Amino acid sequence: MRPVTRTSRQSATTSSQQAKMTAKPAKAERLEKRQLEQSVYWTRSERFRWLWYRLRLTVHEMNYASRRMVELQMRLR
């Protein structure tokens, strides 16, 4: 058995590297989506199902964020 080395849980990236990686997430998403669409043929129903799922997920995230903001604002009062 090999010995296990422990490392810190903090990322090794610096803040400038992290800023570069997250500067244009929309462009990366579009590129990933385009690559996925080119690699696989989806039927119309599959595409609608995927878009509906993404819409529901986005709405869920927005509702959660707004609910958390209200909770945090209520604590400040």
PDB file of N, CA and C in Angstrom:
ATOM      1  N   MET A   1       0.821  -1.184   0.000  1.00  0.00           N
ATOM      2  CA  MET A   1       0.000   0.000   0.000  1.00  0.00           C
ATOM      3  C   MET A   1       0.868   1.252   0.000  1.00  0.00           C
ATOM      4  N   ARG A   2       0.471   2.213  -0.786  1.00  0.00           N
ATOM      5  CA  ARG A   2       1.222   3.461  -0.834  1.00  0.00           C
ATOM      6  C   ARG A   2       0.725   4.408   0.253  1.00  0.00           C
ATOM      7  N   PRO A   3       1.623   5.214   0.806  1.00  0.00           N
ATOM      8  CA  PRO A   3       1.185   6.182   1.818  1.00  0.00           C
ATOM      9  C   PRO A   3       0.373   7.296   1.166  1.00  0.00           C
ATOM     10  N   VAL A   4      -0.574   7.792   1.896  1.00  0.00           N
ATOM     11  CA  VAL A   4      -1.435   8.865   1.412  1.00  0.00           C
ATOM     12  C   VAL A   4      -0.870  10.190   1.889  1.00  0.00           C
ATOM     13  N   THR A   5      -0.670  11.107   0.969  1.00  0.00           N
ATOM     14  CA  THR A   5      -0.192  12.433   1.349  1.00  0.00           C
ATOM     15  C   THR A   5      -1.390  13.356   1.484  1.00  0.00           C
ATOM     16  N   ARG A   6      -1.350  14.140   2.529  1.00  0.00           N
ATOM     17  CA  ARG A   6      -2.454  15.067   2.760  1.00  0.00           C
ATOM     18  C   ARG A   6      -2.102  16.432   2.203  1.00  0.00           C
ATOM     19  N   THR A   7      -3.063  17.037   1.564  1.00  0.00           N
ATOM     20  CA  THR A   7      -2.868  18.377   1.018  1.00  0.00           C
ATOM     21  C   THR A   7      -3.948  19.282   1.557  1.00  0.00           C
ATOM     22  N   SER A   8      -3.723  20.566   1.451  1.00  0.00           N
ATOM     23  CA  SER A   8      -4.736  21.510   1.904  1.00  0.00           C
ATOM     24  C   SER A   8      -5.919  21.477   0.943  1.00  0.00           C
ATOM     25  N   ARG A   9      -7.055  21.889   1.432  1.00  0.00           N
ATOM     26  CA  ARG A   9      -8.263  21.864   0.612  1.00  0.00           C
ATOM     27  C   ARG A   9      -8.407  23.095  -0.260  1.00  0.00           C
ATOM     28  N   GLN A  10      -7.558  24.056  -0.089  1.00  0.00           N
ATOM     29  CA  GLN A  10      -7.643  25.267  -0.898  1.00  0.00           C
ATOM     30  C   GLN A  10      -7.102  25.003  -2.286  1.00  0.00           C
ATOM     31  N   SER A  11      -7.694  25.686  -3.220  1.00  0.00           N
ATOM     32  CA  SER A  11      -7.280  25.538  -4.606  1.00  0.00           C
ATOM     33  C   SER A  11      -5.919  26.182  -4.830  1.00  0.00           C
ATOM     34  N   ALA A  12      -5.189  25.638  -5.776  1.00  0.00           N
ATOM     35  CA  ALA A  12      -3.869  26.177  -6.079  1.00  0.00           C
ATOM     36  C   ALA A  12      -3.938  27.351  -7.044  1.00  0.00           C
ATOM     37  N   THR A  13      -5.106  27.654  -7.577  1.00  0.00           N
ATOM     38  CA  THR A  13      -5.216  28.752  -8.530  1.00  0.00           C
ATOM     39  C   THR A  13      -5.213  30.086  -7.794  1.00  0.00           C
ATOM     40  N   THR A  14      -4.629  31.069  -8.419  1.00  0.00           N
ATOM     41  CA  THR A  14      -4.632  32.405  -7.842  1.00  0.00           C
ATOM     42  C   THR A  14      -5.900  33.126  -8.270  1.00  0.00           C
ATOM     43  N   SER A  15      -6.137  34.261  -7.670  1.00  0.00           N
ATOM     44  CA  SER A  15      -7.359  34.994  -7.998  1.00  0.00           C
ATOM     45  C   SER A  15      -7.361  35.466  -9.448  1.00  0.00           C
ATOM     46  N   SER A  16      -6.197  35.807  -9.995  1.00  0.00           N
ATOM     47  CA  SER A  16      -6.161  36.263 -11.386  1.00  0.00           C
ATOM     48  C   SER A  16      -6.453  35.107 -12.337  1.00  0.00           C
ATOM     49  N   GLN A  17      -5.955  33.911 -12.023  1.00  0.00           N
ATOM     50  CA  GLN A  17      -6.255  32.749 -12.854  1.00  0.00           C
ATOM     51  C   GLN A  17      -7.737  32.414 -12.777  1.00  0.00           C
ATOM     52  N   GLN A  18      -8.284  32.514 -11.581  1.00  0.00           N
ATOM     53  CA  GLN A  18      -9.693  32.207 -11.406  1.00  0.00           C
ATOM     54  C   GLN A  18     -10.558  33.214 -12.163  1.00  0.00           C
ATOM     55  N   ALA A  19     -10.157  34.482 -12.153  1.00  0.00           N
ATOM     56  CA  ALA A  19     -10.900  35.498 -12.885  1.00  0.00           C
ATOM     57  C   ALA A  19     -10.865  35.231 -14.378  1.00  0.00           C
ATOM     58  N   LYS A  20      -9.727  34.774 -14.886  1.00  0.00           N
ATOM     59  CA  LYS A  20      -9.629  34.468 -16.307  1.00  0.00           C
ATOM     60  C   LYS A  20     -10.526  33.304 -16.681  1.00  0.00           C
ATOM     61  N   MET A  21     -10.620  32.312 -15.789  1.00  0.00           N
ATOM     62  CA  MET A  21     -11.424  31.131 -16.098  1.00  0.00           C
ATOM     63  C   MET A  21     -12.911  31.448 -16.087  1.00  0.00           C
ATOM     64  N   THR A  22     -13.345  32.391 -15.263  1.00  0.00           N
ATOM     65  CA  THR A  22     -14.763  32.690 -15.150  1.00  0.00           C
ATOM     66  C   THR A  22     -15.152  33.985 -15.851  1.00  0.00           C
ATOM     67  N   ALA A  23     -14.258  34.541 -16.658  1.00  0.00           N
ATOM     68  CA  ALA A  23     -14.537  35.825 -17.290  1.00  0.00           C
ATOM     69  C   ALA A  23     -15.695  35.734 -18.277  1.00  0.00           C
ATOM     70  N   LYS A  24     -15.777  34.661 -19.058  1.00  0.00           N
ATOM     71  CA  LYS A  24     -16.825  34.538 -20.057  1.00  0.00           C
ATOM     72  C   LYS A  24     -17.453  33.148 -19.998  1.00  0.00           C
ATOM     73  N   PRO A  25     -18.256  32.879 -18.958  1.00  0.00           N
ATOM     74  CA  PRO A  25     -18.859  31.550 -18.862  1.00  0.00           C
ATOM     75  C   PRO A  25     -19.885  31.295 -19.960  1.00  0.00           C
ATOM     76  N   ALA A  26     -20.541  32.340 -20.444  1.00  0.00           N
ATOM     77  CA  ALA A  26     -21.546  32.159 -21.488  1.00  0.00           C
ATOM     78  C   ALA A  26     -20.908  31.641 -22.771  1.00  0.00           C
ATOM     79  N   LYS A  27     -19.730  32.146 -23.099  1.00  0.00           N
ATOM     80  CA  LYS A  27     -19.041  31.695 -24.301  1.00  0.00           C
ATOM     81  C   LYS A  27     -18.659  30.226 -24.178  1.00  0.00           C
ATOM     82  N   ALA A  28     -18.197  29.823 -23.011  1.00  0.00           N
ATOM     83  CA  ALA A  28     -17.824  28.425 -22.785  1.00  0.00           C
ATOM     84  C   ALA A  28     -19.048  27.526 -22.875  1.00  0.00           C
ATOM     85  N   GLU A  29     -20.174  27.999 -22.330  1.00  0.00           N
ATOM     86  CA  GLU A  29     -21.409  27.213 -22.402  1.00  0.00           C
ATOM     87  C   GLU A  29     -21.869  27.052 -23.848  1.00  0.00           C
ATOM     88  N   ARG A  30     -21.784  28.121 -24.620  1.00  0.00           N
ATOM     89  CA  ARG A  30     -22.194  28.030 -26.025  1.00  0.00           C
ATOM     90  C   ARG A  30     -21.314  27.063 -26.790  1.00  0.00           C
ATOM     91  N   LEU A  31     -20.018  27.110 -26.524  1.00  0.00           N
ATOM     92  CA  LEU A  31     -19.086  26.210 -27.194  1.00  0.00           C
ATOM     93  C   LEU A  31     -19.386  24.754 -26.823  1.00  0.00           C
ATOM     94  N   GLU A  32     -19.607  24.521 -25.543  1.00  0.00           N
ATOM     95  CA  GLU A  32     -19.927  23.155 -25.093  1.00  0.00           C
ATOM     96  C   GLU A  32     -21.240  22.679 -25.717  1.00  0.00           C
ATOM     97  N   LYS A  33     -22.227  23.551 -25.763  1.00  0.00           N
ATOM     98  CA  LYS A  33     -23.521  23.194 -26.349  1.00  0.00           C
ATOM     99  C   LYS A  33     -23.363  22.880 -27.833  1.00  0.00           C
ATOM    100  N   ARG A  34     -22.585  23.709 -28.530  1.00  0.00           N
ATOM    101  CA  ARG A  34     -22.370  23.496 -29.957  1.00  0.00           C
ATOM    102  C   ARG A  34     -21.669  22.160 -30.206  1.00  0.00           C
ATOM    103  N   GLN A  35     -20.663  21.852 -29.392  1.00  0.00           N
ATOM    104  CA  GLN A  35     -19.954  20.580 -29.544  1.00  0.00           C
ATOM    105  C   GLN A  35     -20.875  19.403 -29.283  1.00  0.00           C
ATOM    106  N   LEU A  36     -21.734  19.528 -28.282  1.00  0.00           N
ATOM    107  CA  LEU A  36     -22.673  18.464 -27.968  1.00  0.00           C
ATOM    108  C   LEU A  36     -23.679  18.276 -29.103  1.00  0.00           C
ATOM    109  N   GLU A  37     -24.186  19.373 -29.625  1.00  0.00           N
ATOM    110  CA  GLU A  37     -25.153  19.275 -30.709  1.00  0.00           C
ATOM    111  C   GLU A  37     -24.547  18.657 -31.964  1.00  0.00           C
ATOM    112  N   GLN A  38     -23.281  18.933 -32.216  1.00  0.00           N
ATOM    113  CA  GLN A  38     -22.642  18.378 -33.401  1.00  0.00           C
ATOM    114  C   GLN A  38     -22.298  16.908 -33.235  1.00  0.00           C
ATOM    115  N   SER A  39     -22.061  16.457 -32.012  1.00  0.00           N
ATOM    116  CA  SER A  39     -21.644  15.075 -31.799  1.00  0.00           C
ATOM    117  C   SER A  39     -22.818  14.104 -31.762  1.00  0.00           C
ATOM    118  N   VAL A  40     -24.018  14.587 -31.444  1.00  0.00           N
ATOM    119  CA  VAL A  40     -25.169  13.708 -31.274  1.00  0.00           C
ATOM    120  C   VAL A  40     -26.373  14.312 -32.003  1.00  0.00           C
ATOM    121  N   TYR A  41     -27.164  13.463 -32.631  1.00  0.00           N
ATOM    122  CA  TYR A  41     -28.401  13.940 -33.243  1.00  0.00           C
ATOM    123  C   TYR A  41     -29.529  13.747 -32.244  1.00  0.00           C
ATOM    124  N   TRP A  42     -30.219  14.816 -31.918  1.00  0.00           N
ATOM    125  CA  TRP A  42     -31.338  14.749 -30.988  1.00  0.00           C
ATOM    126  C   TRP A  42     -32.643  14.888 -31.758  1.00  0.00           C
ATOM    127  N   THR A  43     -33.636  14.148 -31.352  1.00  0.00           N
ATOM    128  CA  THR A  43     -34.964  14.317 -31.940  1.00  0.00           C
ATOM    129  C   THR A  43     -35.579  15.593 -31.373  1.00  0.00           C
ATOM    130  N   ARG A  44     -36.645  16.042 -31.995  1.00  0.00           N
ATOM    131  CA  ARG A  44     -37.304  17.260 -31.538  1.00  0.00           C
ATOM    132  C   ARG A  44     -37.807  17.114 -30.104  1.00  0.00           C
ATOM    133  N   SER A  45     -38.404  15.971 -29.788  1.00  0.00           N
ATOM    134  CA  SER A  45     -38.931  15.783 -28.431  1.00  0.00           C
ATOM    135  C   SER A  45     -37.807  15.753 -27.393  1.00  0.00           C
ATOM    136  N   GLU A  46     -36.676  15.153 -27.730  1.00  0.00           N
ATOM    137  CA  GLU A  46     -35.541  15.138 -26.802  1.00  0.00           C
ATOM    138  C   GLU A  46     -35.009  16.548 -26.579  1.00  0.00           C
ATOM    139  N   ARG A  47     -34.936  17.324 -27.652  1.00  0.00           N
ATOM    140  CA  ARG A  47     -34.448  18.687 -27.528  1.00  0.00           C
ATOM    141  C   ARG A  47     -35.388  19.525 -26.665  1.00  0.00           C
ATOM    142  N   PHE A  48     -36.700  19.388 -26.881  1.00  0.00           N
ATOM    143  CA  PHE A  48     -37.668  20.121 -26.048  1.00  0.00           C
ATOM    144  C   PHE A  48     -37.600  19.672 -24.595  1.00  0.00           C
ATOM    145  N   ARG A  49     -37.439  18.384 -24.386  1.00  0.00           N
ATOM    146  CA  ARG A  49     -37.342  17.873 -23.016  1.00  0.00           C
ATOM    147  C   ARG A  49     -36.113  18.460 -22.318  1.00  0.00           C
ATOM    148  N   TRP A  50     -34.992  18.516 -23.035  1.00  0.00           N
ATOM    149  CA  TRP A  50     -33.768  19.086 -22.470  1.00  0.00           C
ATOM    150  C   TRP A  50     -33.936  20.572 -22.175  1.00  0.00           C
ATOM    151  N   LEU A  51     -34.537  21.327 -23.103  1.00  0.00           N
ATOM    152  CA  LEU A  51     -34.745  22.753 -22.887  1.00  0.00           C
ATOM    153  C   LEU A  51     -35.710  23.002 -21.730  1.00  0.00           C
ATOM    154  N   TRP A  52     -36.750  22.175 -21.627  1.00  0.00           N
ATOM    155  CA  TRP A  52     -37.709  22.310 -20.536  1.00  0.00           C
ATOM    156  C   TRP A  52     -37.022  22.039 -19.194  1.00  0.00           C
ATOM    157  N   TYR A  53     -36.174  21.020 -19.174  1.00  0.00           N
ATOM    158  CA  TYR A  53     -35.420  20.710 -17.960  1.00  0.00           C
ATOM    159  C   TYR A  53     -34.528  21.880 -17.572  1.00  0.00           C
ATOM    160  N   ARG A  54     -33.802  22.464 -18.524  1.00  0.00           N
ATOM    161  CA  ARG A  54     -32.917  23.593 -18.236  1.00  0.00           C
ATOM    162  C   ARG A  54     -33.711  24.810 -17.746  1.00  0.00           C
ATOM    163  N   LEU A  55     -34.887  25.041 -18.349  1.00  0.00           N
ATOM    164  CA  LEU A  55     -35.726  26.151 -17.914  1.00  0.00           C
ATOM    165  C   LEU A  55     -36.197  25.942 -16.474  1.00  0.00           C
ATOM    166  N   ARG A  56     -36.661  24.736 -16.171  1.00  0.00           N
ATOM    167  CA  ARG A  56     -37.105  24.441 -14.814  1.00  0.00           C
ATOM    168  C   ARG A  56     -35.964  24.596 -13.814  1.00  0.00           C
ATOM    169  N   LEU A  57     -34.786  24.142 -14.172  1.00  0.00           N
ATOM    170  CA  LEU A  57     -33.628  24.258 -13.294  1.00  0.00           C
ATOM    171  C   LEU A  57     -33.269  25.725 -13.051  1.00  0.00           C
ATOM    172  N   THR A  58     -33.307  26.526 -14.093  1.00  0.00           N
ATOM    173  CA  THR A  58     -32.994  27.947 -13.961  1.00  0.00           C
ATOM    174  C   THR A  58     -34.013  28.647 -13.073  1.00  0.00           C
ATOM    175  N   VAL A  59     -35.286  28.356 -13.272  1.00  0.00           N
ATOM    176  CA  VAL A  59     -36.334  28.968 -12.451  1.00  0.00           C
ATOM    177  C   VAL A  59     -36.178  28.539 -10.995  1.00  0.00           C
ATOM    178  N   HIS A  60     -35.860  27.272 -10.787  1.00  0.00           N
ATOM    179  CA  HIS A  60     -35.644  26.777  -9.430  1.00  0.00           C
ATOM    180  C   HIS A  60     -34.493  27.511  -8.750  1.00  0.00           C
ATOM    181  N   GLU A  61     -33.392  27.698  -9.473  1.00  0.00           N
ATOM    182  CA  GLU A  61     -32.239  28.414  -8.914  1.00  0.00           C
ATOM    183  C   GLU A  61     -32.584  29.865  -8.610  1.00  0.00           C
ATOM    184  N   MET A  62     -33.359  30.508  -9.481  1.00  0.00           N
ATOM    185  CA  MET A  62     -33.747  31.895  -9.252  1.00  0.00           C
ATOM    186  C   MET A  62     -34.664  32.004  -8.038  1.00  0.00           C
ATOM    187  N   ASN A  63     -35.601  31.068  -7.901  1.00  0.00           N
ATOM    188  CA  ASN A  63     -36.498  31.081  -6.743  1.00  0.00           C
ATOM    189  C   ASN A  63     -35.716  30.880  -5.456  1.00  0.00           C
ATOM    190  N   TYR A  64     -34.772  29.960  -5.486  1.00  0.00           N
ATOM    191  CA  TYR A  64     -33.965  29.706  -4.297  1.00  0.00           C
ATOM    192  C   TYR A  64     -33.159  30.949  -3.922  1.00  0.00           C
ATOM    193  N   ALA A  65     -32.558  31.587  -4.917  1.00  0.00           N
ATOM    194  CA  ALA A  65     -31.751  32.776  -4.646  1.00  0.00           C
ATOM    195  C   ALA A  65     -32.603  33.907  -4.081  1.00  0.00           C
ATOM    196  N   SER A  66     -33.765  34.127  -4.644  1.00  0.00           N
ATOM    197  CA  SER A  66     -34.617  35.204  -4.138  1.00  0.00           C
ATOM    198  C   SER A  66     -35.133  34.872  -2.738  1.00  0.00           C
ATOM    199  N   ARG A  67     -35.446  33.617  -2.482  1.00  0.00           N
ATOM    200  CA  ARG A  67     -35.901  33.212  -1.148  1.00  0.00           C
ATOM    201  C   ARG A  67     -34.785  33.425  -0.115  1.00  0.00           C
ATOM    202  N   ARG A  68     -33.550  33.082  -0.480  1.00  0.00           N
ATOM    203  CA  ARG A  68     -32.423  33.285   0.435  1.00  0.00           C
ATOM    204  C   ARG A  68     -32.196  34.774   0.701  1.00  0.00           C
ATOM    205  N   MET A  69     -32.348  35.601  -0.333  1.00  0.00           N
ATOM    206  CA  MET A  69     -32.167  37.039  -0.145  1.00  0.00           C
ATOM    207  C   MET A  69     -33.207  37.589   0.825  1.00  0.00           C
ATOM    208  N   VAL A  70     -34.443  37.133   0.697  1.00  0.00           N
ATOM    209  CA  VAL A  70     -35.503  37.584   1.611  1.00  0.00           C
ATOM    210  C   VAL A  70     -35.184  37.135   3.031  1.00  0.00           C
ATOM    211  N   GLU A  71     -34.736  35.884   3.183  1.00  0.00           N
ATOM    212  CA  GLU A  71     -34.376  35.392   4.514  1.00  0.00           C
ATOM    213  C   GLU A  71     -33.256  36.217   5.127  1.00  0.00           C
ATOM    214  N   LEU A  72     -32.240  36.528   4.333  1.00  0.00           N
ATOM    215  CA  LEU A  72     -31.130  37.315   4.844  1.00  0.00           C
ATOM    216  C   LEU A  72     -31.550  38.739   5.191  1.00  0.00           C
ATOM    217  N   GLN A  73     -32.419  39.306   4.379  1.00  0.00           N
ATOM    218  CA  GLN A  73     -32.898  40.657   4.673  1.00  0.00           C
ATOM    219  C   GLN A  73     -33.755  40.681   5.921  1.00  0.00           C
ATOM    220  N   MET A  74     -34.515  39.623   6.160  1.00  0.00           N
ATOM    221  CA  MET A  74     -35.343  39.559   7.367  1.00  0.00           C
ATOM    222  C   MET A  74     -34.478  39.462   8.621  1.00  0.00           C
ATOM    223  N   ARG A  75     -33.336  38.826   8.526  1.00  0.00           N
ATOM    224  CA  ARG A  75     -32.431  38.733   9.678  1.00  0.00           C
ATOM    225  C   ARG A  75     -31.822  40.074  10.033  1.00  0.00           C
ATOM    226  N   LEU A  76     -31.650  40.937   9.033  1.00  0.00           N
ATOM    227  CA  LEU A  76     -31.023  42.231   9.267  1.00  0.00           C
ATOM    228  C   LEU A  76     -31.967  43.215   9.948  1.00  0.00           C
ATOM    229  N   ARG A  77     -33.225  42.966   9.899  1.00  0.00           N
ATOM    230  CA  ARG A  77     -34.196  43.906  10.486  1.00  0.00           C
ATOM    231  C   ARG A  77     -34.350  43.695  11.967  1.00  0.00           C
TER     232      ARG A  77
END
